[in-house]
Protein backbone atom coordinates (compact mmCIF):
# COMPACT_ATOMS: atom_id res chain seq x y z
CA MET A 1 -0.20 -0.01 0.26
CA ASP A 2 1.63 3.39 -1.16
CA THR A 3 1.28 6.71 0.77
CA LEU A 4 -1.40 8.20 -1.06
CA ASP A 5 -3.36 5.22 -0.24
CA GLN A 6 -2.75 4.93 3.28
CA LEU A 7 -3.62 8.66 3.34
CA THR A 8 -7.05 7.56 1.57
CA ARG A 9 -7.59 5.29 4.58
CA ILE A 10 -6.49 7.26 7.46
CA SER A 11 -9.15 10.23 5.97
CA ALA A 12 -11.97 7.38 6.56
CA ASP A 13 -11.14 7.35 10.02
CA MET A 14 -10.49 11.27 10.34
CA ALA A 15 -14.25 11.52 9.08
CA VAL A 16 -15.56 10.57 12.34
CA GLU A 17 -12.76 12.55 14.26
CA ILE A 18 -13.67 16.00 16.12
CA ASP A 19 -13.36 18.26 13.28
CA SER A 20 -10.72 21.09 13.66
CA GLU A 21 -12.87 23.43 11.77
CA PRO A 22 -16.41 22.02 11.65
CA SER A 23 -19.08 23.59 9.35
CA VAL A 24 -21.25 26.24 10.35
CA SER A 25 -24.75 27.83 9.20
CA ALA A 26 -25.36 30.68 7.06
CA ALA A 27 -26.02 32.69 10.38
CA LEU A 28 -22.18 32.75 11.28
CA ALA A 29 -21.54 34.73 8.15
CA GLN A 30 -22.97 37.83 10.12
CA PHE A 31 -19.81 37.73 11.92
CA ALA A 32 -17.35 35.86 10.08
CA PRO A 33 -14.35 38.02 8.49
CA PRO A 34 -15.76 38.10 4.40
CA ASP A 35 -14.88 34.79 2.48
CA CYS A 36 -13.51 33.42 5.78
CA VAL A 37 -16.23 30.63 7.14
CA PRO A 38 -14.81 27.94 8.93
CA GLY A 39 -15.07 24.77 7.58
CA ARG A 40 -15.72 25.12 3.64
CA SER A 41 -13.99 21.17 3.14
CA LEU A 42 -14.07 18.97 -0.01
CA THR A 43 -12.54 15.98 -0.86
CA ILE A 44 -10.35 15.86 -3.48
CA SER A 45 -9.72 11.79 -4.95
CA ASP A 46 -11.05 10.79 -1.33
CA LEU A 47 -7.76 12.58 0.04
CA PRO A 48 -8.67 14.70 3.35
CA VAL A 49 -8.22 18.25 1.71
CA GLN A 50 -10.10 21.37 3.44
CA HIS A 51 -9.80 24.77 2.70
CA ALA A 52 -8.15 26.74 5.51
CA CYS A 53 -8.66 30.54 6.08
CA LEU A 54 -5.44 32.56 6.12
CA PRO A 55 -5.19 36.19 7.38
CA GLY A 56 -6.85 38.79 5.21
CA GLY A 57 -10.02 36.23 4.44
CA ARG A 58 -8.12 34.29 1.59
CA THR A 59 -8.77 30.33 1.76
CA ILE A 60 -6.47 27.71 0.17
CA PRO A 61 -6.90 23.75 -0.39
CA VAL A 62 -5.07 22.33 2.48
CA LEU A 63 -4.17 18.64 3.01
CA LYS A 64 -5.08 17.48 6.73
CA THR A 65 -3.06 14.59 7.90
CA VAL A 66 -1.44 12.74 10.58
CA LEU A 67 2.04 11.29 10.69
CA THR A 68 0.79 8.25 12.59
CA SER A 69 -2.57 7.49 13.89
CA VAL A 70 -0.99 5.39 16.65
CA CYS A 71 -1.55 6.91 19.69
CA GLU A 72 -0.62 6.41 23.40
CA ARG A 73 -2.96 8.69 24.89
CA ASN A 74 -6.70 7.57 25.67
CA CYS A 75 -8.89 10.73 24.79
CA ASN A 76 -12.46 9.82 25.48
CA TYR A 77 -13.68 10.89 22.35
CA CYS A 78 -11.40 10.40 19.92
CA CYS A 79 -11.01 8.05 17.21
CA PHE A 80 -7.50 7.14 17.59
CA ARG A 81 -7.31 6.69 21.18
CA SER A 82 -5.29 4.00 22.60
CA GLY A 83 -7.50 1.19 23.36
CA ARG A 84 -9.76 1.85 19.94
CA ASP A 85 -9.90 -1.10 17.85
CA THR A 86 -8.90 0.70 14.55
CA GLU A 87 -6.53 0.08 11.87
CA ARG A 88 -3.33 2.30 12.26
CA PHE A 89 -0.71 3.86 9.75
CA THR A 90 2.39 5.29 10.22
CA PHE A 91 4.69 7.57 7.76
CA LYS A 92 7.93 8.39 7.65
CA PRO A 93 9.02 11.88 7.61
CA ASP A 94 10.25 12.16 4.17
CA GLU A 95 7.32 10.02 2.85
CA LEU A 96 4.71 12.06 3.67
CA ALA A 97 6.95 15.36 2.78
CA LYS A 98 7.33 13.62 -0.68
CA VAL A 99 3.33 13.45 -1.11
CA VAL A 100 3.03 17.07 0.15
CA VAL A 101 5.27 18.51 -2.57
CA GLN A 102 3.82 15.93 -5.33
CA LEU A 103 0.26 17.03 -4.35
CA HIS A 104 1.06 20.61 -4.38
CA GLN A 105 2.77 20.70 -8.03
CA GLN A 106 0.08 19.16 -9.31
CA GLY A 107 -2.40 21.84 -7.86
CA VAL A 108 -4.48 19.64 -5.55
CA ILE A 109 -3.17 21.60 -2.66
CA ARG A 110 -1.37 24.72 -1.65
CA GLY A 111 -0.71 23.92 1.79
CA THR A 112 -0.47 21.21 4.42
CA PHE A 113 -1.84 20.72 8.20
CA LEU A 114 0.79 18.21 9.77
CA SER A 115 -0.56 16.74 13.03
CA SER A 116 0.39 13.04 14.45
CA GLY A 117 -0.94 10.84 17.24
CA VAL A 118 1.45 10.81 20.14
CA ALA A 119 3.73 7.46 20.13
CA GLY A 120 6.41 7.55 21.91
CA GLY A 121 5.67 10.08 23.76
CA GLY A 122 5.63 13.91 23.24
CA ILE A 123 9.02 14.95 22.62
CA ARG A 124 9.56 12.25 19.96
CA THR A 125 6.33 12.74 18.00
CA GLN A 126 7.07 16.54 18.15
CA ASP A 127 10.48 15.98 16.52
CA ARG A 128 9.23 13.84 13.82
CA LEU A 129 6.62 16.86 13.15
CA ILE A 130 9.41 19.04 12.65
CA ASP A 131 11.69 16.16 10.85
CA THR A 132 8.85 16.53 8.31
CA ALA A 133 8.73 20.31 7.70
CA GLU A 134 12.81 20.62 7.65
CA ILE A 135 12.57 17.83 4.67
CA LEU A 136 9.63 20.29 3.20
CA ARG A 137 11.34 23.01 3.56
CA THR A 138 15.11 22.71 3.53
CA LYS A 139 15.64 19.44 1.09
CA MET A 140 12.54 19.96 -1.31
CA GLY A 141 12.30 24.13 -1.32
CA TYR A 142 8.57 24.00 -0.58
CA ARG A 143 7.67 27.19 0.09
CA GLY A 144 3.86 26.62 0.53
CA TYR A 145 1.59 26.74 3.95
CA ILE A 146 2.54 24.78 7.04
CA HIS A 147 0.28 24.58 9.61
CA LEU A 148 2.12 22.47 12.44
CA LYS A 149 1.01 20.84 15.36
CA ILE A 150 2.43 21.18 18.89
CA MET A 151 2.05 18.30 20.60
CA PRO A 152 1.31 17.57 24.21
CA GLY A 153 4.95 17.78 26.17
CA ALA A 154 6.72 19.31 23.78
CA GLU A 155 9.90 21.19 24.83
CA ARG A 156 10.29 25.25 24.36
CA ALA A 157 13.18 24.56 22.07
CA GLN A 158 10.86 22.16 19.82
CA VAL A 159 8.26 24.57 19.99
CA GLU A 160 10.55 27.48 18.83
CA ARG A 161 11.84 25.43 15.94
CA ALA A 162 8.76 24.87 14.79
CA MET A 163 7.91 28.57 14.51
CA GLN A 164 10.63 29.07 12.67
CA LEU A 165 9.25 26.49 10.00
CA ALA A 166 5.59 26.56 10.27
CA ASP A 167 2.94 30.05 8.93
CA ARG A 168 0.90 28.72 12.03
CA VAL A 169 0.74 26.70 15.07
CA SER A 170 -1.46 25.04 17.17
CA ILE A 171 -2.13 23.55 20.71
CA ASN A 172 -5.20 22.12 21.24
CA LEU A 173 -6.62 22.70 24.69
CA GLU A 174 -9.71 20.48 23.98
CA GLY A 175 -11.07 21.57 27.21
CA PRO A 176 -11.51 24.99 28.73
CA ASN A 177 -10.04 24.58 32.13
CA THR A 178 -8.07 21.62 33.85
CA ARG A 179 -11.43 19.92 35.11
CA ARG A 180 -13.27 19.73 31.95
CA LEU A 181 -9.92 18.35 30.26
CA ALA A 182 -9.59 15.26 32.64
CA LEU A 183 -13.02 14.39 31.58
CA LEU A 184 -12.14 14.72 27.81
CA ALA A 185 -8.46 13.53 28.03
CA PRO A 186 -7.37 11.97 31.06
CA MET A 187 -3.62 12.05 30.46
CA LYS A 188 -3.15 15.27 29.40
CA VAL A 189 -1.94 18.02 31.70
CA PHE A 190 -3.75 21.02 30.83
CA MET A 191 -1.40 23.63 32.34
CA GLU A 192 1.95 22.13 31.78
CA GLU A 193 1.41 20.26 28.81
CA LEU A 194 -1.18 22.59 26.78
CA LEU A 195 -1.00 26.10 28.27
CA ALA A 196 2.61 26.65 28.53
CA PRO A 197 3.48 25.95 25.11
CA MET A 198 0.94 28.41 24.12
CA ARG A 199 2.48 31.15 26.76
CA TRP A 200 6.10 29.82 25.26
CA VAL A 201 4.73 31.26 21.37
CA GLU A 202 3.83 34.17 22.67
CA GLU A 203 6.89 35.09 24.64
CA ILE A 204 9.05 33.89 21.57
CA ARG A 205 6.83 36.47 19.55
CA GLN A 206 7.35 39.24 21.89
CA THR A 207 11.32 38.79 22.65
CA GLN A 208 12.93 37.56 19.15
CA PRO A 209 12.95 39.63 16.13
CA PRO A 210 10.65 38.26 13.44
CA HIS A 211 13.04 37.83 10.62
CA LEU A 212 13.85 34.91 12.61
CA GLY A 213 10.40 33.08 11.77
CA TRP A 214 9.54 31.65 8.48
CA ASN A 215 8.78 33.77 5.53
CA GLY A 216 10.30 37.03 7.95
CA ARG A 217 7.50 36.70 10.55
CA TRP A 218 6.34 34.54 13.33
CA PRO A 219 3.11 32.20 12.46
CA SER A 220 -0.21 32.85 14.20
CA THR A 221 -1.51 30.33 16.97
CA THR A 222 -5.27 28.45 16.88
CA THR A 223 -6.30 26.34 19.28
CA GLN A 224 -9.01 23.96 19.38
CA PHE A 225 -12.59 23.13 22.15
CA VAL A 226 -14.79 20.20 22.09
CA VAL A 227 -18.01 21.34 22.87
CA GLY A 228 -21.08 19.46 24.36
CA ALA A 229 -18.96 16.46 25.70
CA VAL A 230 -18.37 16.53 29.32
CA GLY A 231 -21.05 19.43 30.37
CA GLU A 232 -19.21 22.59 29.94
CA ASN A 233 -20.89 25.64 29.67
CA ASP A 234 -20.53 28.64 27.00
CA LEU A 235 -18.90 30.65 29.91
CA GLU A 236 -16.07 28.45 30.65
CA LEU A 237 -15.10 27.96 27.15
CA LEU A 238 -15.46 31.82 26.26
CA GLN A 239 -13.63 32.67 29.13
CA THR A 240 -10.77 30.55 28.39
CA THR A 241 -10.94 32.10 24.71
CA ALA A 242 -11.01 35.75 25.96
CA TYR A 243 -7.70 34.95 28.02
CA LEU A 244 -6.07 33.75 25.11
CA THR A 245 -7.40 36.32 22.57
CA ARG A 246 -6.28 39.37 24.84
CA ASN A 247 -3.33 37.93 26.55
CA LEU A 248 -1.53 35.62 23.87
CA HIS A 249 -2.93 37.16 20.78
CA LEU A 250 -4.86 33.73 19.76
CA ALA A 251 -5.97 34.22 15.73
CA ARG A 252 -8.56 32.05 16.14
CA GLY A 253 -10.72 29.47 18.46
CA TYR A 254 -12.36 26.34 17.12
CA PHE A 255 -15.13 24.82 18.42
CA SER A 256 -15.31 21.35 17.42
CA GLY A 257 -19.03 19.91 18.33
CA PHE A 258 -19.35 16.84 19.91
CA ARG A 259 -20.06 13.90 17.74
CA PRO A 260 -20.00 10.33 19.34
CA VAL A 261 -17.59 7.83 17.90
CA ASP A 262 -18.11 4.38 18.48
CA ARG A 263 -16.03 1.61 20.20
CA THR A 264 -15.34 4.92 22.46
CA PRO A 265 -16.22 5.39 26.16
CA PHE A 266 -18.33 8.44 24.83
CA GLU A 267 -20.05 6.71 22.21
CA GLU A 268 -23.53 6.74 23.81
CA ARG A 269 -23.19 10.56 24.20
CA ALA A 270 -25.81 12.73 22.20
CA PRO A 271 -23.91 14.89 19.83
CA VAL A 272 -24.13 18.64 20.10
CA ASN A 273 -26.91 20.73 19.02
CA GLN A 274 -24.93 22.65 16.10
CA VAL A 275 -26.73 25.77 16.80
CA ARG A 276 -24.23 25.86 19.68
CA VAL A 277 -21.21 25.85 18.28
CA ASN A 278 -22.56 28.43 15.64
CA ARG A 279 -23.03 30.90 18.73
CA LEU A 280 -19.83 30.00 19.76
CA TYR A 281 -18.13 31.38 16.61
CA GLN A 282 -20.18 34.20 16.65
CA ALA A 283 -19.47 34.99 20.17
CA SER A 284 -15.88 34.80 19.75
CA PHE A 285 -15.87 36.95 16.84
CA LEU A 286 -17.12 39.76 18.71
CA LEU A 287 -14.85 39.04 21.39
CA ARG A 288 -11.51 39.64 18.87
CA ASP A 289 -13.11 42.04 16.30
CA TYR A 290 -16.05 43.65 17.63
CA GLU A 291 -14.50 45.01 20.79
CA PHE A 292 -16.89 43.15 23.00
CA GLU A 293 -16.30 41.99 26.60
CA LEU A 294 -16.98 38.84 27.79
CA GLU A 295 -19.41 40.74 30.78
CA GLU A 296 -21.47 41.56 27.80
CA MET A 297 -22.18 38.40 26.50
CA PRO A 298 -26.08 37.81 27.04
CA PHE A 299 -25.49 34.70 28.69
CA VAL A 300 -28.34 33.13 30.13
CA GLY A 301 -28.94 31.24 33.94
CA SER A 302 -26.89 28.14 33.23
CA GLY A 303 -24.26 29.87 31.64
CA ASP A 304 -25.19 28.99 27.77
CA LEU A 305 -25.58 31.48 25.07
CA PRO A 306 -29.02 31.87 23.88
CA LEU A 307 -29.57 29.82 21.16
CA GLU A 308 -32.40 31.21 19.25
CA VAL A 309 -30.65 34.81 18.54
CA ASP A 310 -27.21 35.55 18.06
CA PRO A 311 -25.08 37.07 21.05
CA LYS A 312 -25.04 40.48 18.97
CA LEU A 313 -28.59 40.88 18.34
CA GLY A 314 -29.04 39.25 21.71
CA TRP A 315 -27.23 42.04 23.65
CA ALA A 316 -28.61 45.00 21.30
CA ARG A 317 -32.40 44.24 22.20
CA GLN A 318 -31.23 44.31 25.87
CA ASN A 319 -29.29 47.59 25.67
CA LEU A 320 -29.91 49.64 22.58
CA GLY A 321 -33.66 48.79 22.33
CA GLU A 322 -34.72 51.80 24.41
CA ALA A 323 -31.43 53.56 24.00
CA PRO A 324 -30.53 53.61 20.04
CA VAL A 325 -26.93 55.09 18.92
CA GLU A 326 -26.67 58.34 17.26
CA VAL A 327 -24.84 57.07 14.54
CA ASN A 328 -23.47 60.65 14.12
CA ARG A 329 -21.63 60.73 17.44
CA ALA A 330 -20.88 57.10 18.21
CA ASN A 331 -17.38 56.33 18.67
CA ARG A 332 -15.90 53.32 16.95
CA ARG A 333 -16.51 50.82 20.17
CA GLU A 334 -20.42 51.87 19.89
CA LEU A 335 -20.76 51.36 16.65
CA LEU A 336 -19.28 48.15 16.38
CA HIS A 337 -21.81 47.16 18.86
CA ILE A 338 -24.62 47.82 16.53
CA PRO A 339 -26.20 44.86 14.77
CA GLY A 340 -25.54 44.81 11.14
CA PHE A 341 -22.37 46.77 11.39
CA GLY A 342 -19.11 45.33 10.83
CA PRO A 343 -15.34 46.85 10.87
CA LYS A 344 -15.51 47.36 7.46
CA ALA A 345 -18.70 49.58 7.75
CA VAL A 346 -18.07 51.42 10.81
CA ARG A 347 -14.73 52.38 9.22
CA SER A 348 -16.49 54.05 6.56
CA ILE A 349 -18.98 55.68 8.74
CA LEU A 350 -15.99 57.16 10.34
CA GLU A 351 -14.15 58.47 7.28
CA TYR A 352 -17.13 59.68 6.20
CA ARG A 353 -18.11 61.88 9.04
CA ARG A 354 -14.69 63.27 9.31
CA ARG A 355 -16.03 65.51 5.75
CA HIS A 356 -19.74 65.91 6.40
CA PRO A 357 -22.48 64.38 8.76
CA LEU A 358 -24.88 61.43 7.82
CA HIS A 359 -28.28 62.78 7.01
CA ASN A 360 -30.62 59.71 7.00
CA ILE A 361 -30.90 56.27 6.17
CA GLU A 362 -30.01 56.45 2.39
CA ASP A 363 -26.47 58.04 3.38
CA LEU A 364 -25.34 54.45 4.81
CA LYS A 365 -26.83 52.43 2.17
CA ALA A 366 -24.40 54.47 -0.41
CA LEU A 367 -21.41 53.69 2.04
CA GLY A 368 -22.40 50.05 0.91
CA ILE A 369 -23.88 48.80 4.25
CA GLN A 370 -26.58 46.32 4.91
CA VAL A 371 -28.82 48.70 7.43
CA ASN A 372 -31.82 46.37 7.80
CA ARG A 373 -30.41 44.60 11.01
CA ALA A 374 -29.32 48.21 12.44
CA VAL A 375 -32.26 50.36 11.78
CA PRO A 376 -34.40 49.45 15.33
CA PHE A 377 -30.86 50.87 17.29
CA ILE A 378 -29.79 53.37 15.47
CA LEU A 379 -30.69 57.25 15.62
CA ILE A 380 -29.55 59.70 12.51
CA ASN A 381 -29.39 63.37 13.62
CA GLY A 382 -31.43 62.24 16.49
CA ARG A 383 -34.32 60.60 14.69
CA ARG A 384 -34.88 57.01 14.47
CA PRO A 385 -34.64 56.32 10.52
CA ALA A 386 -38.18 56.30 8.87
CA MET A 387 -37.68 52.75 7.60
CA GLN A 388 -38.23 50.79 10.80
CA MET A 389 -38.07 46.76 11.11
CA ALA A 390 -39.44 44.79 13.45
CA LEU A 391 -37.33 43.76 16.13
CA TRP A 392 -38.99 40.16 16.58
């Protein structure tokens, strides 16, 4: 069986694995960066190829694979857990590097996402991932996109070397805190194995010149949470996301809705409601791009976000229904809190206001702004716009 055949066989198992970029409904596009809705995936010749979002909204086809599906960890939800009876495959670094270059030259992919099961310890596994990236960069002259996974237990020097080779690195927290991680992945240690490497990434970015990184800049960072498997609420997930975004400059948190995998301890548990995953993405974009604070999220008594309304609209109904915002006087943060106003729209409004005031709803439309969601929550020159839309 050649390497491409093995990749195809692995992809069959990865199809039931927790997705790193789950699909989202059209509602998510209200807050997602333009042309960058996570999880728009495709399969080419049965290979695990997905579209990854790059800074600026571009997407590229990326081969998502693992060096080995052998894993000594026993994560309760995972198709590759140590105790699960399933076919296993292992690639040599040079084998996988050769396939990446081959697919890249054929135009099938423009990048690769390299992860692995933990086999022989996190340090040894990280060495093999780094070996693969080094072969690609130094021996094969590959200059395409690389997203490199940091293994639990990796050493700081390995993290630094990974950052010199990759466009993006990621460390999956899986749970939002120590207690939830223990239920998901009993052998993993939240602070020492997972959070510490994320802090090292930021320390390296802050203390070392960017020209030491790949292509003259340090890579961005992401993480992933498993949603709905062990009773965590949205407040827990967003508390950790807010901390990582503010303090460690996390580029994005991925929220992977739990789906049961047969022959695992969680095989009888119910899958998560995908609407909940959508709400978490919307809230995370508000925290990252819209200057919202965690305390402004419209949590209900359980600590979850309401499912029936997106969090930005929920906040506006609570706070702006009787106190609409004067568009001609509001600052950037106030404008970003208005439903229907995104960063691009707010920038257009502020630039327009430097020359002359807005007079009516038509001025907003002329700026290319979709006003329907905003109308119930704004004033223009002290008056509600004539185009009044229903709140419910």
